[in-house]
Protein backbone atom coordinates (compact mmCIF):
# COMPACT_ATOMS: atom_id res chain seq x y z
CA UNK A 1 -60.68 21.77 -9.62
CA UNK A 2 -60.92 19.18 -6.73
CA UNK A 3 -56.60 18.67 -7.40
CA UNK A 4 -56.43 22.31 -7.41
CA UNK A 5 -58.28 22.93 -3.73
CA UNK A 6 -56.02 19.84 -2.52
CA UNK A 7 -52.62 21.87 -3.96
CA UNK A 8 -53.83 24.53 -2.13
CA UNK A 9 -54.81 23.10 0.71
CA UNK A 10 -51.51 21.55 0.92
CA UNK A 11 -49.62 24.58 0.25
CA UNK A 12 -51.12 26.40 2.74
CA UNK A 13 -50.30 23.71 5.77
CA UNK A 14 -46.74 23.75 4.49
CA UNK A 15 -46.35 27.42 4.54
CA UNK A 16 -48.11 27.59 8.06
CA UNK A 17 -44.67 25.50 9.41
CA UNK A 18 -42.79 28.07 6.80
CA UNK A 19 -43.88 31.15 7.95
CA UNK A 20 -43.18 30.02 11.79
CA UNK A 21 -39.45 31.18 10.45
CA UNK A 22 -39.77 33.52 7.93
CA UNK A 23 -43.05 36.13 6.24
CA UNK A 24 -43.78 35.35 3.08
CA UNK A 25 -45.56 38.11 0.94
CA UNK A 26 -48.77 37.35 -1.36
CA UNK A 27 -46.72 37.50 -4.30
CA UNK A 28 -44.15 35.08 -2.86
CA UNK A 29 -47.13 32.58 -2.19
CA UNK A 30 -48.37 33.02 -5.31
CA UNK A 31 -44.75 32.39 -7.20
CA UNK A 32 -44.61 28.68 -4.80
CA UNK A 33 -48.04 27.94 -5.97
CA UNK A 34 -46.95 28.23 -9.56
CA UNK A 35 -43.89 26.30 -9.10
CA UNK A 36 -45.64 23.39 -7.08
CA UNK A 37 -49.37 23.12 -8.00
CA UNK A 38 -49.38 19.75 -9.99
CA UNK A 39 -52.52 21.52 -12.75
CA UNK A 40 -49.57 24.13 -13.97
CA UNK A 41 -47.05 22.00 -14.54
CA UNK A 42 -49.73 19.09 -16.06
CA UNK A 43 -50.55 22.36 -18.41
CA UNK A 44 -47.06 23.28 -19.57
CA UNK A 45 -46.19 20.07 -20.42
CA UNK A 46 -49.45 19.81 -22.60
CA UNK A 47 -48.24 22.93 -24.10
CA UNK A 48 -44.54 21.24 -24.63
CA UNK A 49 -46.83 18.30 -26.46
CA UNK A 50 -48.35 20.35 -28.47
CA UNK A 51 -45.41 22.20 -29.75
CA UNK A 52 -43.96 18.88 -30.64
CA UNK A 53 -46.94 17.61 -32.78
CA UNK A 54 -46.59 20.85 -34.67
CA UNK A 55 -42.91 20.70 -35.22
CA UNK A 56 -43.99 16.82 -36.08
CA UNK A 57 -46.37 17.73 -38.50
CA UNK A 58 -43.69 20.97 -40.09
CA UNK A 59 -41.53 18.04 -40.26
CA UNK A 60 -43.62 15.87 -42.82
CA UNK A 61 -43.97 19.14 -45.36
CA UNK A 62 -39.64 18.92 -45.35
CA UNK A 63 -37.89 17.00 -48.06
CA UNK A 64 -38.01 13.48 -46.59
CA UNK A 65 -34.05 11.63 -47.10
CA UNK A 66 -34.22 7.84 -47.17
CA UNK A 67 -31.30 5.99 -46.82
CA UNK A 68 -30.93 2.09 -46.96
CA UNK A 69 -28.02 -0.17 -47.20
CA UNK A 70 -27.09 -3.90 -47.48
CA UNK A 71 -24.27 -5.46 -46.77
CA UNK A 72 -23.16 -9.11 -48.11
CA UNK A 73 -20.50 -11.62 -47.04
CA UNK A 74 -20.57 -14.78 -48.82
CA UNK A 75 -18.75 -17.81 -47.11
CA UNK A 76 -18.99 -19.28 -50.69
CA UNK A 77 -20.09 -17.45 -53.85
CA UNK A 78 -23.22 -18.61 -55.34
CA UNK A 79 -22.46 -20.44 -58.46
CA UNK A 80 -24.36 -21.00 -61.82
CA UNK A 81 -24.66 -23.78 -64.36
CA UNK A 82 -24.12 -23.09 -67.54
CA UNK A 83 -23.15 -25.16 -70.70
CA UNK A 84 -19.33 -26.34 -71.11
CA UNK A 85 -19.65 -25.38 -74.78
CA UNK A 86 -19.57 -21.73 -74.10
CA UNK A 87 -15.59 -22.08 -72.91
CA UNK A 88 -14.54 -24.65 -75.07
CA UNK A 89 -15.69 -27.66 -73.56
CA UNK A 90 -17.57 -30.85 -74.92
CA UNK A 91 -21.13 -30.21 -76.00
CA UNK A 92 -23.79 -31.68 -73.86
CA UNK A 93 -22.33 -30.69 -70.94
CA UNK A 94 -22.43 -28.56 -68.08
CA UNK A 95 -20.20 -26.20 -65.39
CA UNK A 96 -21.00 -24.27 -62.47
CA UNK A 97 -19.10 -21.25 -62.42
CA UNK A 98 -19.54 -18.65 -59.61
CA UNK A 99 -19.76 -15.13 -60.69
CA UNK A 100 -19.04 -12.35 -58.12
CA UNK A 101 -17.12 -11.51 -55.23
CA UNK A 102 -17.53 -12.64 -51.47
CA UNK A 103 -18.00 -8.71 -50.71
CA UNK A 104 -21.37 -7.27 -51.35
CA UNK A 105 -22.32 -3.80 -50.23
CA UNK A 106 -25.03 -1.83 -52.01
CA UNK A 107 -26.66 1.50 -50.89
CA UNK A 108 -30.20 3.29 -51.72
CA UNK A 109 -30.68 7.36 -51.19
CA UNK A 110 -34.49 7.89 -52.03
CA UNK A 111 -35.44 11.96 -51.72
CA UNK A 112 -38.97 12.72 -51.86
CA UNK A 113 -41.10 15.96 -51.01
CA UNK A 114 -44.78 16.41 -50.94
CA UNK A 115 -45.64 19.33 -53.43
CA UNK A 116 -49.18 19.27 -52.22
CA UNK A 117 -50.66 18.00 -49.27
CA UNK A 118 -53.95 19.59 -48.19
CA UNK A 119 -54.03 16.86 -45.29
CA UNK A 120 -50.75 18.54 -44.58
CA UNK A 121 -52.32 21.93 -44.64
CA UNK A 122 -54.88 20.70 -42.52
CA UNK A 123 -53.28 18.80 -39.62
CA UNK A 124 -50.97 22.08 -39.08
CA UNK A 125 -53.73 24.06 -38.83
CA UNK A 126 -55.45 21.86 -35.85
CA UNK A 127 -52.22 21.67 -34.40
CA UNK A 128 -52.15 25.24 -34.09
CA UNK A 129 -55.74 25.56 -32.89
CA UNK A 130 -54.22 22.66 -30.32
CA UNK A 131 -51.60 25.09 -28.96
CA UNK A 132 -53.69 27.90 -28.58
CA UNK A 133 -55.90 25.90 -26.57
CA UNK A 134 -53.36 24.35 -24.69
CA UNK A 135 -51.84 28.38 -23.88
CA UNK A 136 -55.03 29.65 -22.97
CA UNK A 137 -55.53 26.61 -20.86
CA UNK A 138 -52.35 27.20 -18.90
CA UNK A 139 -53.07 30.46 -18.47
CA UNK A 140 -56.41 29.86 -17.18
CA UNK A 141 -54.90 27.29 -14.59
CA UNK A 142 -52.43 29.83 -13.67
CA UNK A 143 -55.39 32.54 -12.88
CA UNK A 144 -57.14 29.68 -10.78
CA UNK A 145 -54.33 29.23 -8.39
CA UNK A 146 -53.37 32.69 -8.07
CA UNK A 147 -57.08 33.52 -6.99
CA UNK A 148 -57.35 30.74 -4.32
CA UNK A 149 -54.33 31.65 -3.16
CA UNK A 150 -55.40 35.24 -3.12
CA UNK A 151 -58.65 34.28 -1.77
CA UNK A 152 -56.89 32.07 1.15
CA UNK A 153 -54.27 34.57 1.73
CA UNK A 154 -56.76 37.51 2.34
CA UNK A 155 -58.99 35.15 4.51
CA UNK A 156 -56.77 34.27 6.55
CA UNK A 157 -55.48 38.05 6.91
CA UNK A 158 -58.98 38.37 8.32
CA UNK A 159 -59.07 35.87 10.76
CA UNK A 160 -55.64 36.98 12.00
CA UNK A 161 -57.21 40.16 12.40
CA UNK A 162 -59.92 38.98 14.24
CA UNK A 163 -58.14 37.04 16.37
CA UNK A 164 -56.09 40.10 17.23
CA UNK A 165 -59.15 41.93 18.58
CA UNK A 166 -60.38 38.88 20.23
CA UNK A 167 -57.45 38.80 22.36
CA UNK A 168 -57.48 42.61 23.00
CA UNK A 169 -61.33 42.21 24.18
CA UNK A 170 -60.00 39.36 26.11
CA UNK A 171 -57.09 41.74 27.79
CA UNK A 172 -59.53 44.61 28.16
CA UNK A 173 -62.69 42.04 30.02
CA UNK A 174 -59.56 40.84 32.41
CA UNK A 175 -58.73 44.46 33.11
CA UNK A 176 -62.76 45.49 33.65
CA UNK A 177 -62.94 41.86 35.74
CA UNK A 178 -60.22 42.56 38.01
CA UNK A 179 -61.70 47.05 38.25
CA UNK A 180 -65.44 45.50 38.68
CA UNK A 181 -64.41 42.85 41.29
CA UNK A 182 -62.99 45.15 43.33
CA UNK A 183 -65.41 47.61 43.14
CA UNK A 184 -67.97 44.53 44.31
CA UNK A 185 -65.40 44.18 47.38
CA UNK A 186 -66.04 47.68 48.62
CA UNK A 187 -69.78 47.15 47.34
CA UNK A 188 -69.75 50.02 45.14
CA UNK A 189 -71.25 47.36 42.15
CA UNK A 190 -72.96 44.55 41.90
CA UNK A 191 -72.14 41.07 41.49
CA UNK A 192 -73.96 40.57 38.65
CA UNK A 193 -72.04 42.80 36.55
CA UNK A 194 -68.85 40.86 37.44
CA UNK A 195 -70.46 37.48 36.13
CA UNK A 196 -71.97 39.47 33.07
CA UNK A 197 -68.31 40.57 32.34
CA UNK A 198 -66.84 36.80 33.07
CA UNK A 199 -69.45 35.80 30.60
CA UNK A 200 -68.63 38.08 28.26
CA UNK A 201 -64.41 36.95 28.73
CA UNK A 202 -65.63 33.56 27.92
CA UNK A 203 -67.58 34.29 24.44
CA UNK A 204 -64.67 36.04 23.57
CA UNK A 205 -62.49 32.85 24.17
CA UNK A 206 -65.01 30.42 22.87
């Protein structure tokens, strides 16, 4: 809430200077606040994060495909020691024979599908609840920002109307002071009347 109030205050300080060049309606002020307020942006990011979590849970329920590959290149083919008599050699002797190819490529494809996973369903329910909570939080944050902007907007309207009223009173007081002072100079009024009007004018200025 403190962050929201700071954001609203900063917005109105900015709009005070902007209003010198253009007049903004309440809807325009609310629209700008919703676009620039950090709390609203954070709430929207939380919604996106929750959506991503739901997609992740749903992805775990889909068939999983796992592909692995293995590539080997032998500079020297490994050999095995076998009796030489297998190839017509003398008995009791052994020969090193290399079996295989210098290049070896193998691939493995694995497909799995979860037929029943209660934890997956529970995770999906929790993720959807989080999505609803995030959506409600975003709506609440927007409503709070709109309420603060509207309250400040109408407070400023009230202050502006009061200032205009005071300016009118000051102008009227100036006219009455001149008129009463003229009457006093012609001895048609008392000096205290002029002093009273000047005190009232000072109060209006204050």
